[in-house]
Protein backbone atom coordinates (compact mmCIF):
# COMPACT_ATOMS: atom_id res chain seq x y z
CA MET A 1 -8.65 -10.67 -41.28
CA ARG A 2 -9.63 -12.06 -37.69
CA LYS A 3 -11.47 -14.93 -37.82
CA ARG A 4 -12.51 -17.78 -35.41
CA ASN A 5 -9.82 -20.22 -34.40
CA PRO A 6 -10.90 -23.92 -35.89
CA LEU A 7 -8.80 -25.37 -32.53
CA TYR A 8 -10.76 -23.38 -29.76
CA PRO A 9 -13.69 -25.25 -28.90
CA THR A 10 -17.55 -24.01 -30.14
CA GLU A 11 -19.45 -22.20 -27.43
CA LYS A 12 -21.89 -25.42 -27.34
CA GLU A 13 -18.70 -27.94 -26.57
CA LEU A 14 -17.67 -25.15 -24.05
CA GLU A 15 -21.43 -25.57 -21.95
CA ARG A 16 -21.40 -29.04 -22.30
CA ALA A 17 -18.09 -29.29 -20.86
CA LYS A 18 -18.86 -26.94 -17.71
CA ALA A 19 -22.29 -28.44 -17.26
CA ILE A 20 -20.23 -32.15 -16.70
CA LEU A 21 -17.65 -30.83 -14.57
CA ARG A 22 -20.12 -29.11 -12.69
CA LYS A 23 -21.81 -32.42 -11.93
CA VAL A 24 -18.28 -34.69 -11.53
CA GLY A 25 -16.98 -32.04 -9.38
CA THR A 26 -12.93 -31.75 -8.57
CA LEU A 27 -10.69 -32.77 -11.80
CA ASN A 28 -6.73 -32.59 -12.15
CA PHE A 29 -6.18 -30.45 -15.09
CA SER A 30 -2.64 -30.82 -14.45
CA SER A 31 -2.63 -33.99 -16.08
CA ARG A 32 -1.88 -34.15 -19.98
CA ASN A 33 -4.60 -36.60 -20.71
CA GLN A 34 -4.20 -37.24 -24.34
CA LYS A 35 -6.51 -40.46 -24.70
CA PRO A 36 -9.65 -39.17 -22.47
CA LYS A 37 -11.25 -42.84 -21.29
CA THR A 38 -14.59 -40.63 -19.27
CA ALA A 39 -17.09 -37.95 -20.21
CA ALA A 40 -15.16 -35.66 -17.17
CA ASP A 41 -11.67 -36.68 -18.95
CA SER A 42 -13.12 -35.53 -22.64
CA ALA A 43 -14.63 -32.07 -20.68
CA GLY A 44 -11.37 -31.35 -19.12
CA VAL A 45 -9.36 -31.65 -22.19
CA ILE A 46 -11.99 -29.09 -23.73
CA ILE A 47 -11.74 -26.54 -20.97
CA ARG A 48 -8.31 -27.17 -21.15
CA ARG A 49 -8.07 -26.53 -24.94
CA SER A 50 -10.14 -23.11 -24.18
CA ARG A 51 -7.60 -21.74 -21.92
CA GLU A 52 -4.44 -22.62 -24.26
CA VAL A 53 -5.29 -21.31 -27.48
CA SER A 54 -6.69 -18.28 -28.50
CA LYS A 55 -10.32 -17.55 -29.52
CA MET A 56 -9.42 -15.76 -32.86
CA VAL A 57 -6.66 -15.73 -34.87
CA ASP A 58 -5.30 -12.95 -37.51
CA GLN A 59 -5.05 -14.27 -41.00
CA VAL A 60 -2.91 -12.27 -43.82
CA TYR A 61 -4.23 -12.35 -47.36
CA ALA A 62 -2.49 -9.51 -48.88
CA VAL A 63 1.01 -8.34 -48.50
CA GLY A 64 2.00 -4.76 -49.85
CA ILE A 65 -0.95 -3.22 -50.09
CA ALA A 66 -1.36 -0.07 -52.53
CA ASP A 67 -2.39 3.28 -51.00
CA SER A 68 -4.77 3.47 -53.42
CA LEU A 69 -6.84 0.37 -52.02
CA LEU A 70 -6.96 2.48 -48.42
CA PHE A 71 -7.21 5.92 -49.10
CA ARG A 72 -9.37 7.67 -51.40
CA LYS A 73 -11.46 10.87 -51.85
CA TYR A 74 -14.80 10.99 -50.81
CA ASN A 75 -16.95 14.56 -50.93
CA GLY A 76 -13.78 16.35 -51.41
CA LYS A 77 -12.32 15.00 -48.05
CA THR A 78 -9.93 11.80 -47.86
CA VAL A 79 -10.85 8.98 -46.33
CA PHE A 80 -9.46 5.62 -45.33
CA GLN A 81 -11.76 2.53 -45.88
CA PHE A 82 -10.84 -1.15 -45.87
CA ASP A 83 -12.71 -4.69 -45.37
CA ASP A 84 -11.42 -6.54 -42.31
CA ASN A 85 -8.58 -5.24 -40.25
CA LEU A 86 -5.03 -3.86 -41.35
CA ARG A 87 -1.78 -4.79 -40.23
CA VAL A 88 1.06 -2.85 -40.02
CA SER A 89 4.79 -4.21 -39.72
CA TYR A 90 8.04 -1.96 -38.96
CA SER A 91 10.68 -4.55 -39.41
CA ALA A 92 13.54 -1.96 -39.47
CA GLN A 93 12.30 0.33 -36.48
CA GLY A 94 13.24 -0.16 -33.25
CA THR A 95 11.99 1.41 -30.07
CA PRO A 96 13.80 4.54 -28.84
CA PHE A 97 15.06 2.95 -26.12
CA GLU A 98 16.90 0.36 -28.15
CA SER A 99 20.62 1.29 -28.94
CA ASP A 100 22.40 1.19 -32.62
CA GLU A 101 24.16 -2.25 -31.23
CA MET A 102 20.85 -3.93 -30.58
CA PRO A 103 19.27 -6.16 -33.13
CA LYS A 104 15.79 -4.00 -34.15
CA ARG A 105 12.73 -5.92 -33.38
CA THR A 106 9.66 -5.93 -35.48
CA LEU A 107 7.02 -3.27 -34.64
CA GLU A 108 3.53 -4.73 -35.19
CA SER A 109 0.27 -2.77 -34.95
CA ILE A 110 -3.41 -3.70 -36.01
CA VAL A 111 -6.07 -1.41 -37.08
CA ILE A 112 -9.50 -2.21 -36.85
CA PRO A 113 -11.68 0.26 -38.12
CA LEU A 114 -15.41 0.23 -36.17
CA SER A 115 -17.32 2.33 -38.59
CA GLN A 116 -16.50 3.20 -42.38
CA PRO A 117 -15.56 5.60 -43.85
CA ASN A 118 -13.05 7.20 -41.91
CA THR A 119 -12.12 11.07 -42.65
CA ILE A 120 -8.67 12.12 -42.40
CA LEU A 121 -7.95 15.57 -41.64
CA PRO A 122 -5.35 17.85 -43.17
CA SER A 123 -3.06 17.70 -40.36
CA GLY A 124 -3.54 13.66 -40.63
CA VAL A 125 -5.42 12.80 -38.00
CA LEU A 126 -9.05 11.25 -38.07
CA GLU A 127 -11.85 13.44 -37.72
CA VAL A 128 -13.34 11.01 -35.31
CA PRO A 129 -10.61 8.92 -33.54
CA LEU A 130 -13.04 6.82 -31.46
CA ASN A 131 -14.00 5.07 -35.17
CA VAL A 132 -10.74 3.31 -35.15
CA PHE A 133 -9.48 0.82 -32.48
CA TYR A 134 -5.68 0.04 -32.38
CA GLU A 135 -3.80 -3.23 -31.19
CA GLY A 136 -0.09 -3.39 -30.27
CA HIS A 137 2.49 -0.72 -31.15
CA TRP A 138 -0.14 2.27 -32.18
CA SER A 139 -2.35 1.54 -29.34
CA THR A 140 0.56 2.57 -26.77
CA GLU A 141 1.83 5.07 -28.84
CA LYS A 142 -2.05 6.49 -29.08
CA MET A 143 -2.39 6.46 -25.02
CA ALA A 144 0.68 8.19 -24.78
CA VAL A 145 -0.21 11.08 -26.67
CA SER A 146 -3.54 10.92 -25.65
CA LEU A 147 -2.78 11.64 -21.88
CA PRO A 148 -2.35 15.65 -20.87
CA LEU A 149 0.91 16.76 -19.93
CA ASP A 150 0.06 17.11 -16.25
CA TYR A 151 -1.49 13.74 -15.84
CA ARG A 152 -1.33 11.92 -12.75
CA PRO A 153 -2.97 9.01 -11.87
CA PHE A 154 -5.75 8.81 -9.90
CA GLU A 155 -4.91 7.69 -6.30
CA GLU A 156 -7.07 6.33 -3.59
């Protein structure tokens, strides 16, 4: 599940900090001010935290999910439907460029359904592929198989 990072400043805190910094002008962000003394110091800490910490974090709340919780029959078609996001980790599979001597790295993909349910055709592909957003390994795989064989990047 993807949720808001509690360490990330709220929108209200960010707006207030930006307003203070607009009034003050220049502020040295390079110093690690652990104990801010002025409002400008506090604003600098908030802005710095917004740049160092991600806004959202992934939280795993189930491991080893059964297929029956992801796939089902609906009006005679196979669909997959689940709440939140699905993170898939391959811990023993490396990329095609890794040799047998190299340690296998974990490949992770995140599946984010944009609508529910998603019908799976008999060929194994989604009926409406744009209803699902991918992050991680599958996003690059999906891009690779989506491009035509004669694809050339646009050049000006």
